Amino acid sequence: MTTDASAAAPGVTTKIDRDAVSASAIVNATPEQIFDFVRQPRNHAIISGDETVRDNISGPERLAEGSKFGMKMRVVVPYRVTSHVKEYEEDRRIAWAHLGGHRWRWELEPGADGTTTVTETFDMSTAVFPPGLRLAGYPKRHAPNVTRSVANLRDHFA
């Protein structure tokens, strides 16, 4: 199912399937500029579509293949989570996962005139127990979050 999330984020297209939800938009920046921003954990609170990411607490300044990093989070109560970079292609793709195994993936496709098509995907096909996530309403439940995350990134570079 594909939807235009124009009410919440004009220009962002959201796609939902059985195990993933993704959102895409054209961003007025190069893949190199966007990748450098996304790979810095300190920027994740700026991007966070559901505002659960609070702050970076451990790890490298810039993520690379295999990096491990910790974040302060808040969903009703504060907690901490450690994630590992699972996919990495310089200036094109980066994905990380925590203990649950599901991934947050950013993919960048160069466009015309210095623009980039940016796609964020919440992918639960790699999760430890996808049926449990489905029972909790995922991936559909994350559709507004990835949509806002992509809009936040786009707006950062506007």
Protein backbone atom coordinates (compact mmCIF):
# COMPACT_ATOMS: atom_id res chain seq x y z
CA MET A 1 0.00 0.00 0.00
CA THR A 2 1.36 3.42 -1.00
CA THR A 3 0.07 6.66 0.45
CA ASP A 4 0.89 10.32 0.02
CA ALA A 5 1.32 11.63 3.53
CA SER A 6 0.46 15.14 2.37
CA ALA A 7 -1.55 16.05 5.46
CA ALA A 8 1.32 15.34 7.86
CA ALA A 9 4.23 15.89 5.51
CA PRO A 10 3.57 17.26 2.01
CA GLY A 11 5.80 15.69 -0.62
CA VAL A 12 6.58 12.56 1.40
CA THR A 13 5.36 9.24 0.02
CA THR A 14 4.88 6.35 2.44
CA LYS A 15 4.75 2.65 1.53
CA ILE A 16 3.65 -0.16 3.82
CA ASP A 17 4.00 -3.90 3.27
CA ARG A 18 3.88 -6.94 5.55
CA ASP A 19 7.26 -6.42 7.23
CA ALA A 20 8.30 -2.87 6.43
CA VAL A 21 7.21 0.72 6.15
CA SER A 22 9.20 3.28 4.21
CA ALA A 23 8.91 6.96 3.45
CA SER A 24 10.60 8.86 0.63
CA ALA A 25 11.08 12.48 -0.38
CA ILE A 26 13.35 14.60 -2.51
CA VAL A 27 15.82 16.53 -0.38
CA ASN A 28 17.65 19.64 -1.54
CA ALA A 29 21.13 18.35 -0.70
CA THR A 30 23.67 15.91 -2.09
CA PRO A 31 23.89 12.30 -0.91
CA GLU A 32 27.24 13.14 0.69
CA GLN A 33 25.77 15.99 2.75
CA ILE A 34 22.78 13.91 3.88
CA PHE A 35 24.84 10.81 4.65
CA ASP A 36 27.24 12.82 6.78
CA PHE A 37 24.29 14.24 8.75
CA VAL A 38 22.50 10.90 9.26
CA ARG A 39 25.64 9.02 10.29
CA GLN A 40 26.15 11.37 13.25
CA PRO A 41 24.15 9.97 16.20
CA ARG A 42 23.98 13.42 17.80
CA ASN A 43 21.64 14.41 14.93
CA HIS A 44 19.19 11.54 15.45
CA ALA A 45 17.06 13.54 17.89
CA ILE A 46 16.62 16.21 15.19
CA ILE A 47 15.46 13.59 12.69
CA SER A 48 13.30 11.46 15.03
CA GLY A 49 9.75 11.43 13.69
CA ASP A 50 8.18 10.24 16.93
CA GLU A 51 10.48 12.34 19.15
CA THR A 52 11.53 9.29 21.19
CA VAL A 53 15.25 9.83 20.52
CA ARG A 54 16.60 12.22 23.14
CA ASP A 55 20.40 12.23 22.97
CA ASN A 56 23.51 10.33 21.97
CA ILE A 57 25.31 8.86 24.98
CA SER A 58 28.06 6.65 23.59
CA GLY A 59 29.85 5.65 20.43
CA PRO A 60 31.73 7.35 17.63
CA GLU A 61 31.00 10.86 16.39
CA ARG A 62 30.34 9.43 12.91
CA LEU A 63 29.00 5.93 12.35
CA ALA A 64 30.84 3.48 10.12
CA GLU A 65 30.42 -0.17 9.24
CA GLY A 66 30.04 -2.17 12.47
CA SER A 67 29.81 0.88 14.77
CA LYS A 68 28.07 0.49 18.10
CA PHE A 69 26.31 3.49 19.65
CA GLY A 70 24.03 4.24 22.58
CA MET A 71 21.08 6.59 22.70
CA LYS A 72 18.86 8.05 25.40
CA MET A 73 15.22 7.37 24.51
CA ARG A 74 11.81 8.11 25.97
CA VAL A 75 8.53 6.32 25.40
CA VAL A 76 6.48 7.19 28.50
CA VAL A 77 9.58 6.54 30.65
CA PRO A 78 13.24 7.20 29.82
CA TYR A 79 15.48 4.32 28.79
CA ARG A 80 18.70 3.66 26.91
CA VAL A 81 19.29 1.56 23.84
CA THR A 82 22.44 0.34 22.12
CA SER A 83 22.41 -0.15 18.36
CA HIS A 84 24.87 -1.58 15.85
CA VAL A 85 25.36 -0.50 12.24
CA LYS A 86 24.34 -3.53 10.15
CA GLU A 87 24.44 -2.09 6.61
CA TYR A 88 26.83 0.49 5.34
CA GLU A 89 27.57 1.84 1.88
CA GLU A 90 29.29 5.23 2.00
CA ASP A 91 26.98 8.07 0.85
CA ARG A 92 24.24 5.59 -0.21
CA ARG A 93 22.93 3.41 2.65
CA ILE A 94 23.19 2.98 6.40
CA ALA A 95 21.08 0.82 8.71
CA TRP A 96 21.24 0.00 12.39
CA ALA A 97 19.48 -2.38 14.74
CA HIS A 98 19.25 -2.90 18.47
CA LEU A 99 18.63 -6.08 20.46
CA GLY A 100 15.20 -6.63 18.80
CA GLY A 101 16.92 -7.05 15.44
CA HIS A 102 14.61 -4.83 13.37
CA ARG A 103 16.38 -2.18 11.34
CA TRP A 104 16.12 1.49 10.62
CA ARG A 105 17.59 2.01 7.15
CA TRP A 106 18.39 5.22 5.27
CA GLU A 107 18.94 5.00 1.49
CA LEU A 108 20.09 7.86 -0.70
CA GLU A 109 19.74 8.11 -4.47
CA PRO A 110 21.38 11.07 -6.24
CA GLY A 111 19.02 13.19 -8.31
CA ALA A 112 19.30 16.10 -10.65
CA ASP A 113 20.73 19.46 -9.66
CA GLY A 114 22.22 18.37 -6.33
CA THR A 115 19.03 16.84 -4.95
CA THR A 116 18.69 13.38 -3.42
CA THR A 117 15.79 10.98 -3.04
CA VAL A 118 15.90 9.91 0.59
CA THR A 119 14.11 6.80 1.86
CA GLU A 120 13.88 5.72 5.47
CA THR A 121 12.63 2.18 6.13
CA PHE A 122 11.58 0.50 9.35
CA ASP A 123 12.32 -3.13 8.41
CA MET A 124 11.15 -5.84 10.76
CA SER A 125 12.02 -8.74 8.45
CA THR A 126 15.34 -8.95 10.35
CA ALA A 127 13.66 -8.87 13.78
CA VAL A 128 14.13 -11.60 16.34
CA PHE A 129 10.34 -12.20 16.44
CA PRO A 130 8.39 -10.48 13.62
CA PRO A 131 5.04 -12.06 14.61
CA GLY A 132 5.22 -10.27 17.97
CA LEU A 133 5.79 -6.95 16.23
CA ARG A 134 2.86 -7.63 13.88
CA LEU A 135 0.63 -8.30 16.91
CA ALA A 136 1.69 -4.92 18.30
CA GLY A 137 0.56 -3.22 15.06
CA TYR A 138 3.87 -2.88 13.26
CA PRO A 139 4.97 -1.96 10.65
CA LYS A 140 1.85 0.20 10.06
CA ARG A 141 2.21 1.71 13.52
CA HIS A 142 5.55 3.24 12.44
CA ALA A 143 4.19 4.86 9.25
CA PRO A 144 3.71 8.32 10.81
CA ASN A 145 7.16 8.12 12.43
CA VAL A 146 9.15 7.36 9.27
CA THR A 147 7.09 9.90 7.36
CA ARG A 148 7.92 12.64 9.87
CA SER A 149 11.57 11.53 10.07
CA VAL A 150 12.00 11.98 6.32
CA ALA A 151 10.15 15.31 6.47
CA ASN A 152 12.37 16.44 9.37
CA LEU A 153 15.50 15.57 7.39
CA ARG A 154 14.16 17.29 4.27
CA ASP A 155 13.26 20.39 6.29
CA HIS A 156 16.71 20.46 7.88
CA PHE A 157 18.24 20.90 4.43
CA ALA A 158 15.54 23.27 3.11
